[in-house]
């Protein structure tokens, strides 16, 4: 007796890293209103949203999110081998080292 072939299985979708758009500040900007994102020349900002206004985007820097004038920035592409966690102002604040307790003394040693 003939056995039909198994049904076609959909091919798995390969995992892709989320695309992150980065810009680098070409000018210093100091927040003018609450919700603005301050930055210094050279800071690298993660762009979160572009459709707020033609001239203002939403971005994140040092754990702070706010709007910023996009014309104070330029596109930023990290060099080969640079990852997002090695860019200083994109790295989360380091957590304090956990306290390591003193070792429990072994009663069998003198």
N, C-alpha and C. Protein backbone atom coordinates (compact mmCIF):
# COMPACT_ATOMS: atom_id res chain seq x y z
N UNK A 1 0.84 -1.17 0.00
CA UNK A 1 0.00 0.00 0.00
C UNK A 1 0.89 1.24 0.00
N UNK A 2 0.45 2.28 -0.70
CA UNK A 2 1.24 3.52 -0.83
C UNK A 2 0.95 4.45 0.35
N UNK A 3 2.04 4.98 0.89
CA UNK A 3 1.91 5.95 2.00
C UNK A 3 2.15 7.33 1.42
N UNK A 4 1.23 8.25 1.65
CA UNK A 4 1.44 9.60 1.10
C UNK A 4 2.62 10.29 1.80
N UNK A 5 3.29 11.18 1.10
CA UNK A 5 4.40 11.91 1.73
C UNK A 5 3.88 12.84 2.82
N UNK A 6 4.73 13.13 3.80
CA UNK A 6 4.28 14.05 4.86
C UNK A 6 4.00 15.43 4.28
N UNK A 7 3.12 16.17 4.93
CA UNK A 7 2.83 17.53 4.42
C UNK A 7 4.07 18.41 4.52
N UNK A 8 4.12 19.36 3.60
CA UNK A 8 5.25 20.30 3.64
C UNK A 8 5.20 21.12 4.91
N UNK A 9 6.34 21.22 5.55
CA UNK A 9 6.44 22.05 6.75
C UNK A 9 6.99 23.41 6.33
N UNK A 10 6.49 24.46 6.93
CA UNK A 10 7.07 25.77 6.59
C UNK A 10 8.51 25.83 7.10
N UNK A 11 9.34 26.46 6.32
CA UNK A 11 10.74 26.61 6.73
C UNK A 11 10.82 27.56 7.92
N UNK A 12 11.70 27.27 8.86
CA UNK A 12 11.83 28.20 10.00
C UNK A 12 12.38 29.54 9.53
N UNK A 13 11.90 30.58 10.16
CA UNK A 13 12.36 31.93 9.83
C UNK A 13 13.66 32.17 10.59
N UNK A 14 14.73 32.53 9.90
CA UNK A 14 15.99 32.76 10.63
C UNK A 14 15.88 33.97 11.55
N UNK A 15 16.53 33.86 12.70
CA UNK A 15 16.53 34.97 13.66
C UNK A 15 17.40 36.09 13.13
N UNK A 16 16.90 37.29 13.21
CA UNK A 16 17.69 38.46 12.84
C UNK A 16 17.76 39.39 14.03
N UNK A 17 18.95 39.94 14.25
CA UNK A 17 19.12 40.93 15.29
C UNK A 17 18.21 42.11 14.97
N UNK A 18 17.56 42.69 15.99
CA UNK A 18 16.75 43.87 15.71
C UNK A 18 17.65 44.99 15.17
N UNK A 19 17.14 45.68 14.19
CA UNK A 19 17.90 46.79 13.61
C UNK A 19 17.81 47.99 14.55
N UNK A 20 18.96 48.52 14.89
CA UNK A 20 19.01 49.68 15.77
C UNK A 20 19.62 50.82 14.96
N UNK A 21 18.92 51.94 14.93
CA UNK A 21 19.46 53.10 14.23
C UNK A 21 20.16 53.99 15.25
N UNK A 22 21.38 54.34 14.93
CA UNK A 22 22.18 55.20 15.81
C UNK A 22 22.52 56.48 15.08
N UNK A 23 22.58 57.56 15.84
CA UNK A 23 23.08 58.83 15.32
C UNK A 23 24.11 59.37 16.31
N UNK A 24 25.00 60.21 15.79
CA UNK A 24 26.03 60.81 16.65
C UNK A 24 25.84 62.32 16.63
N UNK A 25 25.93 62.90 17.83
CA UNK A 25 25.72 64.34 17.96
C UNK A 25 26.86 65.11 17.31
N UNK A 26 26.49 66.07 16.47
CA UNK A 26 27.47 66.95 15.84
C UNK A 26 27.54 68.29 16.56
N UNK A 27 26.53 68.57 17.40
CA UNK A 27 26.46 69.80 18.18
C UNK A 27 25.93 69.45 19.57
N UNK A 28 26.26 70.27 20.54
CA UNK A 28 25.72 70.10 21.89
C UNK A 28 24.27 70.60 21.90
N UNK A 29 23.42 69.89 22.65
CA UNK A 29 22.05 70.34 22.81
C UNK A 29 21.67 70.21 24.27
N UNK A 30 21.18 71.30 24.86
CA UNK A 30 20.71 71.31 26.23
C UNK A 30 19.20 71.39 26.20
N UNK A 31 18.56 70.50 26.96
CA UNK A 31 17.10 70.44 26.98
C UNK A 31 16.51 71.82 27.24
N UNK A 32 15.50 72.17 26.45
CA UNK A 32 14.81 73.45 26.61
C UNK A 32 13.52 73.28 27.40
N UNK A 33 12.95 72.08 27.32
CA UNK A 33 11.69 71.78 27.99
C UNK A 33 11.75 70.37 28.56
N UNK A 34 10.88 70.06 29.53
CA UNK A 34 10.82 68.68 30.01
C UNK A 34 10.49 67.75 28.83
N UNK A 35 11.16 66.62 28.77
CA UNK A 35 10.95 65.69 27.66
C UNK A 35 11.97 65.81 26.56
N UNK A 36 12.79 66.88 26.61
CA UNK A 36 13.88 67.03 25.65
C UNK A 36 15.06 66.17 26.10
N UNK A 37 15.86 65.72 25.15
CA UNK A 37 17.03 64.90 25.44
C UNK A 37 18.29 65.74 25.26
N UNK A 38 19.02 65.95 26.34
CA UNK A 38 20.28 66.70 26.27
C UNK A 38 21.39 65.77 25.83
N UNK A 39 22.38 66.34 25.10
CA UNK A 39 23.54 65.55 24.69
C UNK A 39 24.70 66.46 24.37
N UNK A 40 25.88 65.87 24.35
CA UNK A 40 27.11 66.58 24.02
C UNK A 40 27.61 66.12 22.65
N UNK A 41 28.50 66.89 22.06
CA UNK A 41 29.10 66.52 20.79
C UNK A 41 29.76 65.15 20.93
N UNK A 42 29.50 64.28 19.99
CA UNK A 42 30.10 62.95 20.00
C UNK A 42 29.25 61.88 20.64
N UNK A 43 28.23 62.26 21.42
CA UNK A 43 27.36 61.26 22.03
C UNK A 43 26.65 60.45 20.94
N UNK A 44 26.46 59.17 21.20
CA UNK A 44 25.75 58.30 20.27
C UNK A 44 24.36 58.04 20.85
N UNK A 45 23.34 58.35 20.07
CA UNK A 45 21.94 58.28 20.50
C UNK A 45 21.26 57.14 19.74
N UNK A 46 20.46 56.36 20.46
CA UNK A 46 19.63 55.33 19.82
C UNK A 46 18.34 56.00 19.37
N UNK A 47 18.05 55.93 18.08
CA UNK A 47 16.82 56.53 17.54
C UNK A 47 15.68 55.55 17.78
N UNK A 48 14.64 56.02 18.47
CA UNK A 48 13.49 55.18 18.77
C UNK A 48 12.30 55.46 17.86
N UNK A 49 12.17 56.72 17.44
CA UNK A 49 11.02 57.10 16.62
C UNK A 49 11.37 58.34 15.83
N UNK A 50 10.97 58.34 14.55
CA UNK A 50 11.28 59.48 13.69
C UNK A 50 10.05 60.29 13.29
N UNK A 51 8.87 59.75 13.49
CA UNK A 51 7.69 60.42 12.95
C UNK A 51 7.00 61.37 13.91
N UNK A 52 7.76 61.87 14.90
CA UNK A 52 7.19 62.84 15.84
C UNK A 52 7.00 64.18 15.13
N UNK A 53 8.02 64.60 14.42
CA UNK A 53 8.05 65.88 13.73
C UNK A 53 9.17 65.76 12.70
N UNK A 54 9.14 66.58 11.69
CA UNK A 54 10.20 66.50 10.68
C UNK A 54 11.57 66.78 11.27
N UNK A 55 11.64 67.66 12.25
CA UNK A 55 12.93 68.09 12.78
C UNK A 55 13.26 67.50 14.14
N UNK A 56 12.34 66.80 14.77
CA UNK A 56 12.55 66.25 16.11
C UNK A 56 12.28 64.75 16.12
N UNK A 57 13.20 64.01 16.68
CA UNK A 57 13.06 62.55 16.80
C UNK A 57 13.07 62.17 18.27
N UNK A 58 12.64 60.96 18.57
CA UNK A 58 12.71 60.41 19.92
C UNK A 58 13.93 59.52 19.98
N UNK A 59 14.72 59.70 21.04
CA UNK A 59 15.92 58.89 21.18
C UNK A 59 16.22 58.58 22.62
N UNK A 60 17.22 57.74 22.81
CA UNK A 60 17.63 57.34 24.15
C UNK A 60 19.13 57.49 24.28
N UNK A 61 19.55 58.01 25.43
CA UNK A 61 20.97 58.23 25.71
C UNK A 61 21.17 58.08 27.21
N UNK A 62 22.11 57.23 27.59
CA UNK A 62 22.43 57.02 29.01
C UNK A 62 21.19 56.67 29.83
N UNK A 63 20.29 55.89 29.25
CA UNK A 63 19.09 55.48 29.98
C UNK A 63 18.00 56.52 30.04
N UNK A 64 18.19 57.66 29.37
CA UNK A 64 17.18 58.72 29.35
C UNK A 64 16.57 58.78 27.95
N UNK A 65 15.26 58.86 27.88
CA UNK A 65 14.56 58.96 26.60
C UNK A 65 13.92 60.33 26.48
N UNK A 66 14.03 60.91 25.29
CA UNK A 66 13.42 62.22 25.06
C UNK A 66 13.50 62.58 23.60
N UNK A 67 12.95 63.75 23.28
CA UNK A 67 13.01 64.21 21.89
C UNK A 67 14.24 65.08 21.72
N UNK A 68 14.75 65.07 20.48
CA UNK A 68 15.96 65.85 20.19
C UNK A 68 15.90 66.35 18.76
N UNK A 69 16.62 67.46 18.48
CA UNK A 69 16.64 67.98 17.11
C UNK A 69 17.55 67.11 16.25
N UNK A 70 16.96 66.45 15.26
CA UNK A 70 17.75 65.52 14.44
C UNK A 70 18.81 66.23 13.62
N UNK A 71 18.63 67.53 13.34
CA UNK A 71 19.64 68.24 12.57
C UNK A 71 20.89 68.56 13.39
N UNK A 72 20.92 68.16 14.67
CA UNK A 72 22.11 68.29 15.50
C UNK A 72 22.90 66.98 15.50
N UNK A 73 22.50 66.04 14.63
CA UNK A 73 23.13 64.73 14.62
C UNK A 73 23.42 64.30 13.19
N UNK A 74 24.22 63.23 13.09
CA UNK A 74 24.47 62.60 11.79
C UNK A 74 24.36 61.09 11.99
N UNK A 75 24.14 60.38 10.91
CA UNK A 75 24.04 58.93 10.98
C UNK A 75 25.34 58.35 11.55
N UNK A 76 25.21 57.31 12.36
CA UNK A 76 26.38 56.69 12.98
C UNK A 76 26.35 55.20 12.72
N UNK A 77 27.42 54.70 12.13
CA UNK A 77 27.57 53.27 11.91
C UNK A 77 28.83 52.84 12.65
N UNK A 78 28.70 51.97 13.65
CA UNK A 78 29.88 51.54 14.39
C UNK A 78 30.88 50.83 13.48
N UNK A 79 32.15 50.91 13.85
CA UNK A 79 33.18 50.20 13.10
C UNK A 79 32.95 48.70 13.24
N UNK A 80 33.49 47.96 12.32
CA UNK A 80 33.38 46.51 12.35
C UNK A 80 33.92 45.99 13.67
N UNK A 81 33.17 45.14 14.32
CA UNK A 81 33.60 44.57 15.60
C UNK A 81 33.07 45.33 16.80
N UNK A 82 32.57 46.55 16.60
CA UNK A 82 32.01 47.32 17.70
C UNK A 82 30.56 46.87 17.88
N UNK A 83 30.21 46.53 19.10
CA UNK A 83 28.84 46.14 19.37
C UNK A 83 28.18 47.22 20.21
N UNK A 84 26.87 47.19 20.25
CA UNK A 84 26.13 48.23 20.96
C UNK A 84 26.50 48.29 22.44
N UNK A 85 26.89 47.15 23.01
CA UNK A 85 27.23 47.17 24.44
C UNK A 85 28.65 47.65 24.70
N UNK A 86 29.41 47.98 23.64
CA UNK A 86 30.75 48.54 23.86
C UNK A 86 30.79 50.04 23.60
N UNK A 87 29.67 50.63 23.21
CA UNK A 87 29.60 52.08 23.02
C UNK A 87 29.30 52.67 24.39
N UNK A 88 30.21 53.49 24.94
CA UNK A 88 30.10 53.91 26.35
C UNK A 88 28.75 54.43 26.79
N UNK A 89 28.15 55.36 26.07
CA UNK A 89 26.91 55.94 26.57
C UNK A 89 25.68 55.09 26.26
N UNK A 90 25.87 53.94 25.62
CA UNK A 90 24.75 53.03 25.38
C UNK A 90 24.78 51.86 26.34
N UNK A 91 25.89 51.72 27.06
CA UNK A 91 26.02 50.62 28.01
C UNK A 91 25.25 50.98 29.26
N UNK A 92 24.42 50.08 29.77
CA UNK A 92 23.71 50.39 31.01
C UNK A 92 24.69 50.59 32.15
N UNK A 93 24.27 51.37 33.14
CA UNK A 93 25.13 51.59 34.29
C UNK A 93 25.50 50.26 34.90
N UNK A 94 26.78 50.08 35.22
CA UNK A 94 27.16 48.79 35.79
C UNK A 94 26.50 48.58 37.15
N UNK A 95 26.10 47.36 37.39
CA UNK A 95 25.50 47.03 38.68
C UNK A 95 26.64 46.84 39.68
N UNK A 96 26.41 47.22 40.93
CA UNK A 96 27.47 47.01 41.91
C UNK A 96 27.75 45.52 42.06
N UNK A 97 29.00 45.22 42.34
CA UNK A 97 29.37 43.83 42.55
C UNK A 97 28.63 43.29 43.75
N UNK A 98 28.13 42.07 43.64
CA UNK A 98 27.45 41.50 44.81
C UNK A 98 28.45 41.28 45.93
N UNK A 99 27.98 41.38 47.13
CA UNK A 99 28.85 41.17 48.30
C UNK A 99 29.11 39.67 48.41
N UNK A 100 30.39 39.34 48.43
CA UNK A 100 30.76 37.94 48.58
C UNK A 100 30.96 37.66 50.05
N UNK A 101 30.21 36.72 50.60
CA UNK A 101 30.37 36.45 52.03
C UNK A 101 31.70 35.77 52.31
N UNK A 102 32.18 35.96 53.53
CA UNK A 102 33.40 35.26 53.94
C UNK A 102 33.11 33.78 53.91
N UNK A 103 34.14 32.98 53.56
CA UNK A 103 33.91 31.54 53.53
C UNK A 103 33.60 31.02 54.93
N UNK A 104 32.75 30.02 54.97
CA UNK A 104 32.39 29.40 56.26
C UNK A 104 33.58 28.55 56.71
N UNK A 105 34.06 28.78 57.94
CA UNK A 105 35.21 28.00 58.37
C UNK A 105 34.86 26.51 58.48
N UNK A 106 35.84 25.71 58.10
CA UNK A 106 35.67 24.27 58.17
C UNK A 106 36.13 23.82 59.55
N UNK A 107 35.25 23.19 60.35
CA UNK A 107 35.63 22.79 61.71
C UNK A 107 36.66 21.67 61.73
N UNK A 108 36.89 21.03 60.59
CA UNK A 108 37.84 19.92 60.56
C UNK A 108 39.28 20.38 60.33
N UNK A 109 39.48 21.68 60.06
CA UNK A 109 40.83 22.20 59.87
C UNK A 109 41.20 23.08 61.04
N UNK A 110 42.50 23.13 61.33
CA UNK A 110 42.97 23.97 62.46
C UNK A 110 43.60 25.21 61.96
